[in-house]
């Protein structure tokens, strides 16, 4: 469902509470264009966990393919400083 930013402004968070009784997410439009997505905390945490699991899988795949280096802490700091 999409709501206008002005509607959220006038009705406040209670509007979101009502919508979240039936929905997992709400789009907020600004001047007729979808600009934001609001999620309840449970849905946000689920999506964040999915992202972290994907990152873990990608890291394991990189390790399996040998796309990694072993550095000392000092070497790592020096490499970071070169990038910055």
N, C-alpha and C. Protein backbone atom coordinates (compact mmCIF):
# COMPACT_ATOMS: atom_id res chain seq x y z
N UNK A 1 0.84 -1.18 0.00
CA UNK A 1 0.00 0.00 0.00
C UNK A 1 0.88 1.23 0.00
N UNK A 2 0.44 2.25 -0.69
CA UNK A 2 1.15 3.52 -0.76
C UNK A 2 0.32 4.61 -0.09
N UNK A 3 0.98 5.42 0.72
CA UNK A 3 0.32 6.57 1.33
C UNK A 3 1.14 7.81 0.97
N UNK A 4 0.47 8.93 0.93
CA UNK A 4 1.16 10.19 0.64
C UNK A 4 1.86 10.68 1.90
N UNK A 5 3.01 11.31 1.72
CA UNK A 5 3.75 11.85 2.85
C UNK A 5 2.88 12.82 3.65
N UNK A 6 2.06 13.59 2.96
CA UNK A 6 1.20 14.55 3.64
C UNK A 6 0.18 13.84 4.54
N UNK A 7 -0.32 12.69 4.08
CA UNK A 7 -1.26 11.92 4.91
C UNK A 7 -0.57 11.43 6.18
N UNK A 8 0.66 10.97 6.04
CA UNK A 8 1.42 10.55 7.22
C UNK A 8 1.67 11.73 8.14
N UNK A 9 1.95 12.88 7.55
CA UNK A 9 2.19 14.09 8.34
C UNK A 9 0.96 14.46 9.16
N UNK A 10 -0.21 14.36 8.57
CA UNK A 10 -1.42 14.78 9.28
C UNK A 10 -1.93 13.72 10.25
N UNK A 11 -1.78 12.44 9.90
CA UNK A 11 -2.33 11.37 10.75
C UNK A 11 -1.31 10.76 11.69
N UNK A 12 -0.05 10.95 11.40
CA UNK A 12 1.01 10.50 12.30
C UNK A 12 1.22 8.99 12.31
N UNK A 13 1.95 8.57 13.31
CA UNK A 13 2.34 7.17 13.44
C UNK A 13 1.14 6.26 13.66
N UNK A 14 0.07 6.78 14.17
CA UNK A 14 -1.12 5.94 14.38
C UNK A 14 -1.62 5.38 13.05
N UNK A 15 -1.43 6.12 11.96
CA UNK A 15 -1.78 5.62 10.64
C UNK A 15 -0.96 4.37 10.32
N UNK A 16 0.35 4.43 10.59
CA UNK A 16 1.20 3.27 10.35
C UNK A 16 0.79 2.09 11.21
N UNK A 17 0.50 2.36 12.48
CA UNK A 17 0.06 1.28 13.37
C UNK A 17 -1.16 0.56 12.80
N UNK A 18 -2.10 1.33 12.29
CA UNK A 18 -3.31 0.74 11.70
C UNK A 18 -2.97 -0.08 10.46
N UNK A 19 -2.13 0.45 9.60
CA UNK A 19 -1.76 -0.25 8.37
C UNK A 19 -0.98 -1.52 8.66
N UNK A 20 -0.11 -1.49 9.66
CA UNK A 20 0.71 -2.66 9.97
C UNK A 20 -0.09 -3.80 10.60
N UNK A 21 -1.33 -3.55 10.95
CA UNK A 21 -2.19 -4.66 11.41
C UNK A 21 -2.44 -5.65 10.28
N UNK A 22 -2.36 -5.17 9.02
CA UNK A 22 -2.66 -6.03 7.87
C UNK A 22 -1.51 -6.13 6.87
N UNK A 23 -0.51 -5.24 6.97
CA UNK A 23 0.55 -5.17 5.97
C UNK A 23 1.92 -5.35 6.60
N UNK A 24 2.89 -5.80 5.78
CA UNK A 24 4.28 -5.93 6.23
C UNK A 24 5.09 -4.67 5.94
N UNK A 25 4.66 -3.91 4.95
CA UNK A 25 5.40 -2.71 4.57
C UNK A 25 4.45 -1.69 3.98
N UNK A 26 4.86 -0.42 4.05
CA UNK A 26 4.06 0.68 3.53
C UNK A 26 4.98 1.58 2.72
N UNK A 27 4.58 1.89 1.51
CA UNK A 27 5.32 2.84 0.69
C UNK A 27 4.82 4.25 0.98
N UNK A 28 5.75 5.19 1.00
CA UNK A 28 5.38 6.59 1.20
C UNK A 28 5.76 7.34 -0.06
N UNK A 29 4.78 8.02 -0.63
CA UNK A 29 5.03 8.78 -1.85
C UNK A 29 5.18 10.26 -1.53
N UNK A 30 6.06 10.89 -2.28
CA UNK A 30 6.27 12.33 -2.17
C UNK A 30 6.04 12.91 -3.56
N UNK A 31 5.08 13.79 -3.66
CA UNK A 31 4.70 14.40 -4.94
C UNK A 31 4.38 13.34 -6.00
N UNK A 32 3.72 12.28 -5.56
CA UNK A 32 3.27 11.24 -6.49
C UNK A 32 4.30 10.18 -6.82
N UNK A 33 5.51 10.29 -6.28
CA UNK A 33 6.55 9.29 -6.55
C UNK A 33 6.89 8.53 -5.28
N UNK A 34 6.92 7.19 -5.37
CA UNK A 34 7.31 6.39 -4.21
C UNK A 34 8.74 6.73 -3.83
N UNK A 35 8.93 7.08 -2.57
CA UNK A 35 10.25 7.53 -2.13
C UNK A 35 10.78 6.74 -0.94
N UNK A 36 9.91 6.27 -0.06
CA UNK A 36 10.35 5.58 1.15
C UNK A 36 9.54 4.29 1.34
N UNK A 37 10.14 3.37 2.08
CA UNK A 37 9.44 2.16 2.50
C UNK A 37 9.57 2.10 4.02
N UNK A 38 8.45 1.88 4.68
CA UNK A 38 8.45 1.74 6.13
C UNK A 38 8.11 0.29 6.44
N UNK A 39 8.92 -0.31 7.31
CA UNK A 39 8.71 -1.70 7.72
C UNK A 39 8.54 -1.74 9.22
N UNK A 40 7.78 -2.73 9.70
CA UNK A 40 7.78 -2.90 11.15
C UNK A 40 9.10 -3.57 11.55
N UNK A 41 9.46 -3.50 12.79
CA UNK A 41 10.76 -3.96 13.25
C UNK A 41 10.98 -5.45 12.99
N UNK A 42 9.95 -6.25 13.13
CA UNK A 42 10.09 -7.68 12.89
C UNK A 42 10.48 -7.95 11.43
N UNK A 43 9.83 -7.28 10.50
CA UNK A 43 10.15 -7.45 9.08
C UNK A 43 11.55 -6.93 8.77
N UNK A 44 11.90 -5.78 9.34
CA UNK A 44 13.24 -5.22 9.13
C UNK A 44 14.31 -6.19 9.62
N UNK A 45 14.13 -6.73 10.81
CA UNK A 45 15.11 -7.68 11.36
C UNK A 45 15.23 -8.92 10.48
N UNK A 46 14.12 -9.40 9.95
CA UNK A 46 14.15 -10.56 9.05
C UNK A 46 14.96 -10.23 7.79
N UNK A 47 14.69 -9.09 7.18
CA UNK A 47 15.41 -8.71 5.96
C UNK A 47 16.89 -8.48 6.24
N UNK A 48 17.20 -7.90 7.37
CA UNK A 48 18.60 -7.67 7.75
C UNK A 48 19.31 -9.01 7.93
N UNK A 49 18.65 -9.96 8.55
CA UNK A 49 19.23 -11.29 8.72
C UNK A 49 19.50 -11.94 7.37
N UNK A 50 18.58 -11.77 6.43
CA UNK A 50 18.79 -12.31 5.07
C UNK A 50 20.03 -11.69 4.43
N UNK A 51 20.21 -10.39 4.59
CA UNK A 51 21.40 -9.72 4.04
C UNK A 51 22.67 -10.27 4.66
N UNK A 52 22.65 -10.47 5.97
CA UNK A 52 23.84 -10.97 6.65
C UNK A 52 24.15 -12.41 6.23
N UNK A 53 23.13 -13.23 6.07
CA UNK A 53 23.35 -14.60 5.60
C UNK A 53 23.93 -14.61 4.19
N UNK A 54 23.45 -13.71 3.32
CA UNK A 54 23.98 -13.60 1.97
C UNK A 54 25.45 -13.19 2.01
N UNK A 55 25.78 -12.23 2.85
CA UNK A 55 27.17 -11.79 2.97
C UNK A 55 28.06 -12.94 3.46
N UNK A 56 27.55 -13.72 4.40
CA UNK A 56 28.30 -14.88 4.90
C UNK A 56 28.54 -15.90 3.79
N UNK A 57 27.52 -16.16 2.99
CA UNK A 57 27.68 -17.10 1.88
C UNK A 57 28.71 -16.59 0.87
N UNK A 58 28.66 -15.31 0.57
CA UNK A 58 29.62 -14.73 -0.38
C UNK A 58 31.05 -14.81 0.17
N UNK A 59 31.21 -14.57 1.47
CA UNK A 59 32.52 -14.66 2.10
C UNK A 59 33.04 -16.09 2.06
N UNK A 60 32.18 -17.03 2.37
CA UNK A 60 32.60 -18.45 2.31
C UNK A 60 33.00 -18.85 0.90
N UNK A 61 32.28 -18.35 -0.10
CA UNK A 61 32.60 -18.65 -1.49
C UNK A 61 33.96 -18.03 -1.87
N UNK A 62 34.21 -16.80 -1.43
CA UNK A 62 35.50 -16.17 -1.68
C UNK A 62 36.63 -16.98 -1.04
N UNK A 63 36.42 -17.44 0.19
CA UNK A 63 37.43 -18.26 0.87
C UNK A 63 37.66 -19.56 0.12
N UNK A 64 36.60 -20.18 -0.35
CA UNK A 64 36.71 -21.44 -1.08
C UNK A 64 37.50 -21.25 -2.37
N UNK A 65 37.32 -20.10 -3.02
CA UNK A 65 38.02 -19.82 -4.27
C UNK A 65 39.43 -19.25 -4.05
N UNK A 66 39.81 -19.08 -2.78
CA UNK A 66 41.14 -18.54 -2.49
C UNK A 66 41.25 -17.04 -2.66
N UNK A 67 40.13 -16.36 -2.63
CA UNK A 67 40.13 -14.89 -2.78
C UNK A 67 40.24 -14.22 -1.41
N UNK A 68 41.33 -14.52 -0.71
CA UNK A 68 41.52 -13.91 0.60
C UNK A 68 43.01 -13.77 0.88
N UNK A 69 43.34 -12.95 1.86
CA UNK A 69 44.73 -12.75 2.28
C UNK A 69 44.79 -12.89 3.79
N UNK A 70 45.93 -13.30 4.27
CA UNK A 70 46.18 -13.32 5.70
C UNK A 70 47.16 -12.20 6.00
N UNK A 71 46.73 -11.25 6.84
CA UNK A 71 47.54 -10.10 7.20
C UNK A 71 47.65 -9.99 8.71
N UNK A 72 48.72 -9.37 9.15
CA UNK A 72 48.79 -9.01 10.56
C UNK A 72 47.89 -7.79 10.77
N UNK A 73 47.63 -7.47 12.01
CA UNK A 73 46.82 -6.29 12.30
C UNK A 73 47.48 -5.04 11.73
N UNK A 74 48.79 -4.93 11.88
CA UNK A 74 49.51 -3.76 11.38
C UNK A 74 49.43 -3.69 9.86
N UNK A 75 49.60 -4.81 9.17
CA UNK A 75 49.49 -4.82 7.71
C UNK A 75 48.09 -4.40 7.26
N UNK A 76 47.10 -4.84 8.00
CA UNK A 76 45.72 -4.48 7.67
C UNK A 76 45.50 -2.97 7.84
N UNK A 77 45.99 -2.42 8.93
CA UNK A 77 45.86 -0.98 9.16
C UNK A 77 46.56 -0.19 8.06
N UNK A 78 47.75 -0.64 7.68
CA UNK A 78 48.50 0.05 6.62
C UNK A 78 47.75 -0.02 5.29
N UNK A 79 47.14 -1.16 4.99
CA UNK A 79 46.38 -1.30 3.76
C UNK A 79 45.17 -0.37 3.77
N UNK A 80 44.51 -0.27 4.90
CA UNK A 80 43.37 0.65 5.03
C UNK A 80 43.81 2.10 4.87
N UNK A 81 44.94 2.46 5.45
CA UNK A 81 45.44 3.83 5.34
C UNK A 81 45.77 4.19 3.89
N UNK A 82 46.26 3.22 3.12
CA UNK A 82 46.56 3.49 1.71
C UNK A 82 45.28 3.77 0.93
N UNK A 83 44.20 3.14 1.30
CA UNK A 83 42.93 3.35 0.61
C UNK A 83 42.33 4.69 0.97
N UNK A 84 42.48 5.07 2.22
CA UNK A 84 41.91 6.34 2.67
C UNK A 84 42.80 7.46 2.28
